[in-house]
Protein backbone atom coordinates (compact mmCIF):
# COMPACT_ATOMS: atom_id res chain seq x y z
CA MET A 1 87.36 83.36 38.82
CA ASP A 2 84.48 80.85 38.85
CA LYS A 3 84.06 80.26 35.15
CA GLU A 4 87.19 79.73 33.10
CA GLU A 5 87.32 80.47 29.41
CA GLU A 6 88.95 78.57 26.61
CA PHE A 7 91.66 80.46 24.73
CA LYS A 8 93.40 79.31 21.57
CA THR A 9 96.51 81.14 22.73
CA MET A 10 97.74 82.52 26.00
CA GLU A 11 100.66 84.89 26.41
CA ILE A 12 102.41 85.42 29.73
CA LEU A 13 104.29 88.67 29.29
CA ASN A 14 107.48 89.84 31.03
CA GLY A 15 107.35 87.21 33.77
CA LEU A 16 110.46 86.22 35.70
CA VAL A 17 111.51 82.68 34.70
CA TYR A 18 114.35 80.84 36.41
CA CYS A 19 117.38 80.21 34.20
CA ASN A 20 119.40 77.17 35.25
CA THR A 21 122.48 78.41 33.41
CA ALA A 22 122.52 81.91 34.89
CA LYS A 23 121.12 80.69 38.25
CA LYS A 24 118.71 83.60 38.41
CA TYR A 25 115.28 84.77 37.28
CA ILE A 26 115.15 86.48 33.87
CA PRO A 27 112.20 88.40 32.28
CA LYS A 28 110.69 86.36 29.46
CA ASN A 29 107.52 86.00 27.40
CA ILE A 30 105.76 82.64 27.21
CA THR A 31 103.32 81.61 24.49
CA ILE A 32 100.92 78.74 25.21
CA SER A 33 98.68 77.03 22.69
CA SER A 34 97.36 73.51 22.07
CA GLY A 35 98.01 72.76 25.72
CA LYS A 36 101.77 73.24 25.46
CA ILE A 37 104.40 75.91 25.92
CA GLN A 38 105.17 76.79 22.32
CA ARG A 39 107.69 79.56 22.78
CA ILE A 40 109.78 81.23 25.48
CA ASP A 41 111.74 84.33 24.55
CA VAL A 42 113.28 87.42 26.07
CA ASN A 43 111.46 89.75 23.71
CA THR A 44 109.79 92.54 25.66
CA LYS A 45 107.14 92.96 22.98
CA SER A 46 104.24 90.59 22.72
CA GLY A 47 103.68 88.73 19.49
CA SER A 48 100.54 89.02 17.39
CA ALA A 49 97.55 87.31 18.90
CA SER A 50 94.04 86.50 17.74
CA SER A 51 90.89 87.82 19.38
CA SER A 52 90.58 84.50 21.19
CA SER A 53 93.92 84.93 22.95
CA LEU A 54 94.58 85.96 26.54
CA LYS A 55 97.44 88.15 27.63
CA ILE A 56 98.60 87.90 31.23
CA ASN A 57 100.76 90.79 32.40
CA ALA A 58 103.33 89.08 34.62
CA LYS A 59 105.66 92.03 35.16
CA ASN A 60 107.49 91.64 38.50
CA CYS A 61 105.88 88.19 38.88
CA ILE A 62 107.52 84.79 39.10
CA VAL A 63 106.50 82.26 36.45
CA THR A 64 107.15 78.71 37.61
CA SER A 65 105.86 75.18 37.19
CA SER A 66 102.62 74.62 39.08
CA PHE A 67 102.75 72.92 42.47
CA THR A 68 102.14 69.35 43.64
CA ASP A 69 100.55 68.99 47.08
CA CYS A 70 100.78 65.50 48.55
CA ALA A 71 98.20 65.87 51.35
CA VAL A 72 94.86 67.51 50.54
CA ARG A 73 91.63 66.32 52.11
CA ILE A 74 88.76 67.33 49.84
CA LYS A 75 86.12 65.92 52.26
CA GLU A 76 84.04 64.39 49.49
CA PRO A 77 82.37 61.97 49.63
CA GLY A 78 80.83 61.98 53.08
CA SER A 79 81.72 65.34 54.65
CA GLU A 80 80.54 67.88 52.10
CA TYR A 81 79.49 70.25 54.90
CA LYS A 82 83.21 70.61 55.70
CA GLY A 83 84.34 70.96 52.10
CA THR A 84 83.09 69.97 48.66
CA MET A 85 85.35 68.77 45.92
CA TYR A 86 84.57 71.94 43.96
CA SER A 87 85.44 74.30 46.82
CA GLU A 88 88.67 72.51 47.71
CA LEU A 89 89.87 72.18 44.11
CA LYS A 90 89.09 75.85 43.61
CA SER A 91 91.15 76.58 46.72
CA ALA A 92 93.99 74.42 45.40
CA VAL A 93 94.31 76.18 42.04
CA ALA A 94 94.07 79.57 43.81
CA GLY A 95 97.22 78.41 45.60
CA GLY A 96 98.94 77.45 42.34
CA ILE A 97 98.42 73.71 42.87
CA THR A 98 97.39 71.61 39.86
CA ARG A 99 98.13 68.13 41.21
CA LEU A 100 97.19 66.83 44.63
CA VAL A 101 97.15 63.60 46.60
CA CYS A 102 93.97 62.77 48.48
CA PRO A 103 94.22 60.56 51.62
CA PRO A 104 91.73 57.66 51.89
CA ASP A 105 89.84 58.84 54.99
CA THR A 106 86.71 59.91 53.11
CA ASP A 107 83.27 58.58 54.03
CA PRO A 108 83.01 55.89 52.84
CA VAL A 109 86.72 55.07 53.02
CA LEU A 110 88.58 54.59 49.73
CA ASP A 111 88.83 50.82 50.08
CA GLU A 112 86.80 49.82 47.00
CA PRO A 113 87.82 50.33 43.33
CA GLY A 114 84.43 51.80 42.46
CA LEU A 115 84.81 54.54 45.04
CA VAL A 116 88.27 55.40 43.71
CA ARG A 117 87.03 55.62 40.11
CA MET A 118 84.08 57.76 41.17
CA LEU A 119 86.39 60.20 43.00
CA ILE A 120 88.78 60.48 40.05
CA ASN A 121 85.99 60.85 37.47
CA LYS A 122 84.28 63.58 39.47
CA SER A 123 87.54 65.50 39.80
CA ILE A 124 88.06 65.25 36.03
CA GLU A 125 84.63 66.81 35.44
CA PHE A 126 85.69 69.99 37.27
CA GLU A 127 88.85 70.36 35.10
CA LYS A 128 90.70 72.24 37.82
CA ALA A 129 93.39 70.01 39.34
CA ILE A 130 94.60 66.45 38.93
CA VAL A 131 93.47 64.33 41.89
CA THR A 132 95.54 61.23 42.67
CA PRO A 133 94.07 59.23 45.56
CA LEU A 134 95.73 57.03 48.13
CA GLY A 135 93.88 53.78 48.73
CA ALA A 136 93.14 52.47 52.20
CA LEU A 137 95.79 50.09 53.51
CA THR A 138 93.22 48.18 55.58
CA GLN A 139 89.50 47.81 55.09
CA ARG A 140 87.58 50.78 56.49
CA LEU A 141 90.94 51.89 57.96
CA GLU A 142 90.15 49.69 60.95
CA GLY A 143 93.54 47.94 60.96
CA HIS A 144 92.22 44.36 60.81
CA ASP A 145 92.18 43.16 57.18
CA ILE A 146 94.29 44.49 54.34
CA THR A 147 92.57 45.73 51.19
CA GLU A 148 92.77 44.40 47.64
CA MET A 149 95.65 46.69 46.78
CA GLY A 150 96.03 45.37 43.25
CA GLU A 151 92.46 46.29 42.33
CA LEU A 152 92.75 49.69 43.99
CA PHE A 153 96.00 50.38 42.14
CA GLU A 154 94.38 49.52 38.81
CA ALA A 155 91.51 51.86 39.69
CA GLY A 156 93.97 54.75 40.03
CA CYS A 157 95.49 54.74 43.53
CA ILE A 158 99.14 55.78 43.65
CA GLY A 159 99.83 54.20 47.04
CA PHE A 160 98.21 52.97 50.24
CA SER A 161 97.72 54.66 53.56
CA GLN A 162 96.02 54.55 56.93
CA ALA A 163 95.62 58.36 56.91
CA ASN A 164 95.82 59.27 60.61
CA GLN A 165 94.61 55.89 61.85
CA PRO A 166 97.32 53.67 63.39
CA ILE A 167 97.39 49.88 63.04
CA ARG A 168 97.35 48.20 66.44
CA ASP A 169 98.28 44.71 65.22
CA ASN A 170 101.86 44.54 63.92
CA GLN A 171 101.11 41.24 62.19
CA VAL A 172 98.56 43.05 60.03
CA LEU A 173 101.16 45.73 59.36
CA LEU A 174 103.71 43.09 58.36
CA ASN A 175 101.19 41.40 56.05
CA ALA A 176 100.38 44.71 54.38
CA PHE A 177 104.05 45.55 53.82
CA GLN A 178 104.74 42.08 52.38
CA TYR A 179 101.81 42.32 49.98
CA ALA A 180 102.76 45.83 48.87
CA SER A 181 106.41 44.85 48.44
CA ASN A 182 105.49 42.01 46.08
CA PHE A 183 104.07 44.56 43.64
CA ASP A 184 106.29 47.49 44.60
CA PHE A 185 103.30 49.50 45.81
CA PRO A 186 104.35 52.45 48.00
CA ILE A 187 102.93 52.65 51.52
CA TRP A 188 102.26 56.09 53.01
CA VAL A 189 102.09 56.02 56.80
CA SER A 190 102.05 58.62 59.57
CA PRO A 191 104.12 57.23 62.47
CA ARG A 192 101.67 57.22 65.36
CA ASP A 193 101.60 54.80 68.27
CA PRO A 194 98.07 53.38 68.78
CA TRP A 195 98.27 53.63 72.56
CA ILE A 196 100.72 56.26 73.77
CA GLY A 197 99.14 59.70 73.62
CA ARG A 198 95.98 58.36 71.96
CA ASP A 199 93.80 60.65 74.11
CA GLY A 200 96.28 63.54 74.01
CA ASP A 201 95.45 67.09 73.04
CA MET A 202 98.83 68.63 72.25
CA HIS A 203 102.59 68.16 72.58
CA SER A 204 103.75 67.14 76.05
CA GLY A 205 105.62 70.09 77.49
CA LEU A 206 105.40 73.13 79.72
CA THR A 207 102.59 74.72 77.70
CA CYS A 208 100.55 71.53 77.88
CA THR A 209 101.05 71.40 81.65
CA ARG A 210 100.17 75.09 82.07
CA LEU A 211 96.94 74.66 80.11
CA GLY A 212 96.01 71.49 81.98
CA LEU A 213 95.67 69.45 78.78
CA LYS A 214 96.62 65.85 78.02
CA GLY A 215 99.97 65.44 76.31
CA VAL A 216 101.25 63.54 73.29
CA PRO A 217 104.93 62.73 73.92
CA VAL A 218 107.51 62.53 71.13
CA CYS A 219 107.87 58.77 71.74
CA ALA A 220 104.31 58.35 70.40
CA GLU A 221 105.89 59.13 67.03
CA THR A 222 109.34 57.60 67.39
CA LEU A 223 108.25 54.20 68.73
CA SER A 224 105.92 53.76 65.76
CA LEU A 225 108.61 55.07 63.43
CA VAL A 226 111.17 52.48 64.56
CA THR A 227 108.62 49.70 64.03
CA LEU A 228 107.71 50.94 60.55
CA LEU A 229 111.35 51.19 59.51
CA ARG A 230 112.16 47.71 60.82
CA ILE A 231 109.24 46.14 58.93
CA ALA A 232 110.15 48.11 55.80
CA GLU A 233 113.70 46.77 56.06
CA MET A 234 112.47 43.19 56.50
CA THR A 235 110.11 43.35 53.52
CA ASN A 236 112.07 45.73 51.26
CA ALA A 237 108.88 47.75 50.91
CA ARG A 238 108.71 51.32 49.62
CA LEU A 239 107.74 53.43 52.62
CA HIS A 240 106.77 57.09 52.65
CA LEU A 241 106.61 58.69 56.11
CA CYS A 242 103.96 61.37 56.36
CA ARG A 243 104.25 64.48 58.53
CA LEU A 244 107.33 64.05 60.67
CA SER A 245 107.17 66.42 63.65
CA SER A 246 110.19 65.91 65.95
CA LEU A 247 113.96 66.21 66.13
CA GLU A 248 114.25 62.56 67.19
CA SER A 249 112.26 61.40 64.16
CA VAL A 250 114.46 63.40 61.79
CA ASP A 251 117.57 61.80 63.33
CA ILE A 252 116.09 58.29 63.01
CA VAL A 253 115.10 58.79 59.37
CA ARG A 254 118.48 60.32 58.55
CA GLU A 255 120.26 57.20 59.82
CA ALA A 256 117.81 54.89 58.05
CA LYS A 257 118.46 56.62 54.74
CA LYS A 258 122.20 56.23 55.25
CA GLN A 259 121.57 52.50 55.62
CA GLY A 260 119.91 52.42 52.22
CA LEU A 261 116.28 51.79 53.19
CA ARG A 262 113.70 52.63 50.51
CA ILE A 263 112.12 55.46 52.43
CA THR A 264 111.01 59.02 51.81
CA ALA A 265 109.43 61.58 54.12
CA ASP A 266 107.49 64.82 54.15
CA VAL A 267 106.59 67.63 56.51
CA GLY A 268 103.49 69.81 56.71
CA ILE A 269 104.15 73.49 56.05
CA HIS A 270 102.57 74.51 59.38
CA TYR A 271 105.20 72.52 61.29
CA LEU A 272 107.94 74.74 59.83
CA HIS A 273 106.33 77.81 61.42
CA LEU A 274 104.37 76.84 64.53
CA THR A 275 105.26 75.31 67.90
CA ASP A 276 103.30 74.25 70.95
CA LEU A 277 103.59 77.83 72.24
CA ASP A 278 101.21 78.93 69.47
CA VAL A 279 98.38 77.03 71.14
CA GLY A 280 98.45 80.06 73.46
CA ALA A 281 95.09 80.41 75.18
CA PHE A 282 93.51 77.24 73.79
CA ASN A 283 93.65 78.20 70.08
CA THR A 284 91.87 75.21 68.52
CA ASN A 285 93.15 76.16 65.06
CA CYS A 286 96.52 74.98 66.39
CA LYS A 287 95.24 71.52 67.27
CA ALA A 288 96.87 69.11 64.83
CA ILE A 289 97.87 65.50 64.12
CA PRO A 290 100.71 65.14 64.96
CA PRO A 291 100.79 68.06 67.42
CA PHE A 292 103.01 71.09 66.93
CA ARG A 293 106.10 70.49 69.04
CA GLY A 294 108.94 72.58 70.45
CA GLN A 295 111.25 75.07 68.76
CA ARG A 296 114.14 72.60 68.58
CA ASP A 297 111.82 70.20 66.74
CA ARG A 298 110.78 72.91 64.32
CA ASP A 299 114.42 73.79 63.63
CA ALA A 300 115.29 70.11 63.12
CA LEU A 301 112.58 69.80 60.46
CA THR A 302 114.23 72.63 58.52
CA GLU A 303 117.62 70.94 58.84
CA GLY A 304 116.05 67.71 57.59
CA LEU A 305 114.73 69.44 54.48
CA LEU A 306 118.07 71.09 53.78
CA ASP A 307 120.10 67.86 54.01
CA GLY A 308 117.56 65.69 52.16
CA THR A 309 116.35 63.66 55.12
CA ILE A 310 112.88 65.10 54.45
CA ASP A 311 112.01 65.10 50.76
CA PHE A 312 109.26 67.70 50.31
CA ILE A 313 106.68 69.99 51.91
CA CYS A 314 102.90 69.52 51.78
CA SER A 315 99.96 71.57 53.04
CA ASP A 316 98.22 68.76 54.99
CA HIS A 317 95.03 70.60 54.02
CA THR A 318 92.16 69.54 56.31
CA PRO A 319 88.95 71.58 56.23
CA VAL A 320 87.10 71.44 59.55
CA ASP A 321 83.59 72.70 60.21
CA THR A 322 83.51 75.90 62.30
CA GLU A 323 81.40 74.24 64.97
CA ASP A 324 84.03 71.54 65.43
CA LYS A 325 86.69 74.19 66.08
CA THR A 326 84.65 76.24 68.53
CA LEU A 327 84.40 73.37 71.02
CA PRO A 328 86.66 73.19 74.10
CA PHE A 329 90.22 72.35 73.06
CA SER A 330 90.10 68.71 74.21
CA GLU A 331 86.89 68.14 72.20
CA ALA A 332 87.76 70.16 69.09
CA SER A 333 88.72 68.46 65.81
CA GLU A 334 92.31 68.46 64.59
CA GLY A 335 93.46 69.98 61.32
CA GLN A 336 94.32 73.16 59.42
CA ILE A 337 93.59 74.34 55.89
CA GLY A 338 96.66 75.02 53.79
CA THR A 339 96.32 74.94 50.00
CA GLU A 340 96.07 78.74 49.62
CA LEU A 341 98.81 79.25 52.22
CA LEU A 342 101.32 76.67 50.97
CA LEU A 343 103.10 79.16 48.68
CA PRO A 344 103.34 82.20 50.99
CA LEU A 345 104.27 80.08 54.00
CA THR A 346 106.99 78.33 51.97
CA LEU A 347 108.32 81.69 50.77
CA SER A 348 108.43 83.15 54.31
CA TRP A 349 110.09 79.97 55.64
CA ALA A 350 112.72 80.21 52.88
CA LYS A 351 113.36 83.89 53.59
CA ARG A 352 113.74 83.29 57.33
CA ASN A 353 116.25 80.50 56.72
CA LYS A 354 118.09 82.24 53.84
CA ILE A 355 117.10 79.55 51.32
CA GLU A 356 117.09 80.40 47.61
CA MET A 357 113.53 80.81 46.35
CA HIS A 358 114.07 78.41 43.45
CA GLU A 359 115.18 75.67 45.85
CA ALA A 360 112.22 76.31 48.14
CA LEU A 361 109.75 76.10 45.25
CA ASN A 362 111.25 72.74 44.25
CA LEU A 363 110.11 71.40 47.62
CA ILE A 364 106.47 71.97 46.67
CA SER A 365 106.79 71.01 43.02
CA THR A 366 109.62 69.00 41.46
CA LYS A 367 110.61 66.93 44.48
CA ALA A 368 107.03 65.98 45.35
CA ALA A 369 106.37 64.91 41.75
CA THR A 370 109.54 62.81 41.73
CA ILE A 371 108.44 60.88 44.82
CA LEU A 372 105.08 60.22 43.15
CA ASN A 373 106.84 58.93 40.01
CA LYS A 374 104.74 61.44 38.09
CA GLU A 375 105.64 63.83 35.32
CA VAL A 376 107.76 66.71 36.56
CA PHE A 377 106.19 69.96 35.37
CA ARG A 378 108.70 72.26 33.69
CA VAL A 379 108.61 75.73 32.18
CA GLU A 380 110.32 74.96 28.91
CA GLU A 381 109.43 74.89 25.23
CA GLY A 382 107.49 71.79 24.19
CA ALA A 383 106.36 70.96 27.76
CA VAL A 384 102.73 70.58 28.70
CA ALA A 385 101.67 73.92 30.19
CA ASN A 386 101.32 73.49 33.94
CA VAL A 387 102.25 76.95 35.11
CA THR A 388 101.77 79.21 38.13
CA VAL A 389 102.24 82.98 38.03
CA PHE A 390 102.61 84.73 41.38
CA GLY A 391 103.64 88.06 42.79
CA VAL A 392 106.40 87.32 45.27
CA ASN A 393 106.05 90.71 46.99
CA ASP A 394 102.26 90.90 46.91
CA SER A 395 100.99 91.37 50.47
CA TRP A 396 97.59 90.13 51.61
CA THR A 397 95.82 89.37 54.86
CA VAL A 398 94.44 85.93 55.63
CA GLU A 399 90.73 86.47 56.20
CA GLU A 400 87.82 84.05 56.26
CA GLN A 401 85.91 85.93 53.56
CA THR A 402 88.83 85.83 51.12
CA LEU A 403 89.73 82.15 51.53
CA LEU A 404 88.16 79.98 48.84
CA SER A 405 88.30 76.78 50.86
CA GLN A 406 85.04 75.92 52.55
CA GLY A 407 87.05 75.41 55.71
CA LYS A 408 88.26 78.54 57.49
CA ASN A 409 90.29 76.76 60.18
CA SER A 410 93.65 78.46 59.82
CA PRO A 411 95.99 79.42 62.67
CA PHE A 412 97.13 82.30 60.44
CA LEU A 413 93.80 84.18 60.31
CA GLY A 414 94.61 87.88 60.55
CA TYR A 415 98.26 87.40 59.53
CA GLU A 416 99.85 89.36 56.68
CA MET A 417 101.31 87.13 53.98
CA TYR A 418 103.63 87.81 51.05
CA GLY A 419 103.17 85.92 47.80
CA LYS A 420 99.89 85.80 45.89
CA VAL A 421 98.97 83.65 42.89
CA HIS A 422 97.84 85.67 39.85
CA ALA A 423 97.16 82.80 37.45
CA THR A 424 97.23 79.01 37.35
CA ILE A 425 97.30 76.97 34.16
CA MET A 426 96.71 73.20 34.10
CA ASN A 427 97.46 71.22 30.96
CA GLY A 428 97.20 74.42 28.91
CA ARG A 429 93.84 75.41 30.42
CA LEU A 430 93.41 78.53 32.52
CA VAL A 431 91.96 77.30 35.83
CA PHE A 432 92.51 80.37 38.00
CA LEU A 433 92.90 84.08 37.29
CA LYS A 434 93.15 86.63 40.07
CA ASN A 435 90.39 89.23 39.94
């Protein structure tokens, strides 16, 4: 739905809402007006409504709080040919996401307060999803001089990151952590050694050898990780580790958390499904940063989520131009789209690992919001209406023509998925309705 309408009242009828007391989903009606959830009841009949109201038939659908995605590249400014803000926000709400974190690797880089304000203001104009940017940790992400974090924070940044760019000089890294610690600014970093595996194409292993590609060993992640954790311990900085990919990294973070370090971590949803074997015959849609690793690594990431070592799941949404994915594997760009696939891939991961659906949904909603120190969206009376309605058993096929993201670079093209969003409501406004 391209043009949303304003409704004085919305009614979500007969949707399945999770009951904390009963520990199960119960059919309920939800009335929304003035931006808030006014009433939730178990009445099977809808109340009276004016001609300006909207009724959403949610029979056999789950009604839950909308999702928070902590890694969405919207490619604007600078790379609009890969994805415009409008196309990527439209893709986000079609996936039930109403709040997202944007990394700073736009063009120009988000290292100036004016650029941050411009990004936020433009996102507000579209009235689709709340965009919370990460500011650049170093100027132009070059790893030489740290940014004016205080000014960027005042402009609206929720933390500071190097995106996928490593810092070669550990003194610069130490300076950045010290500065951030003084003001309790969180630092979001992907552990990535600047030298080892810097020209690599995929995970070092038998598949890499068979394909004749350059490898990225696990130590490219773990060596950087140990350094980051040591500096975080020295400076008492708040550190968020982005996109862990290996068993060894999960073990290291688990021990660091036991020692009381102020650290959190996430994993991209693709890493819970794919391994280096999926590269197959040079499938460039499986080229990623960090690379997809072995099955034992994939299983360890699940164990990390279940025991709290890893805090939440994100999509790591990265639109890539088709031409950049049709190059030879070693020359192709990294990245996968994920906003429209975050929900169904989370549901299938939960089903495969016998995880309760309510707990799995928390990993893309409540837990992510908690790490951001943002309002936790709830489906309860009096709460601001940030709601997603989805059919848990709805099957659909991932096809380029049906994906709303401008990027079509998904390793799951042609796959059948279960779980489709029917409606998304942000701050009481209908921002997506399935045709």
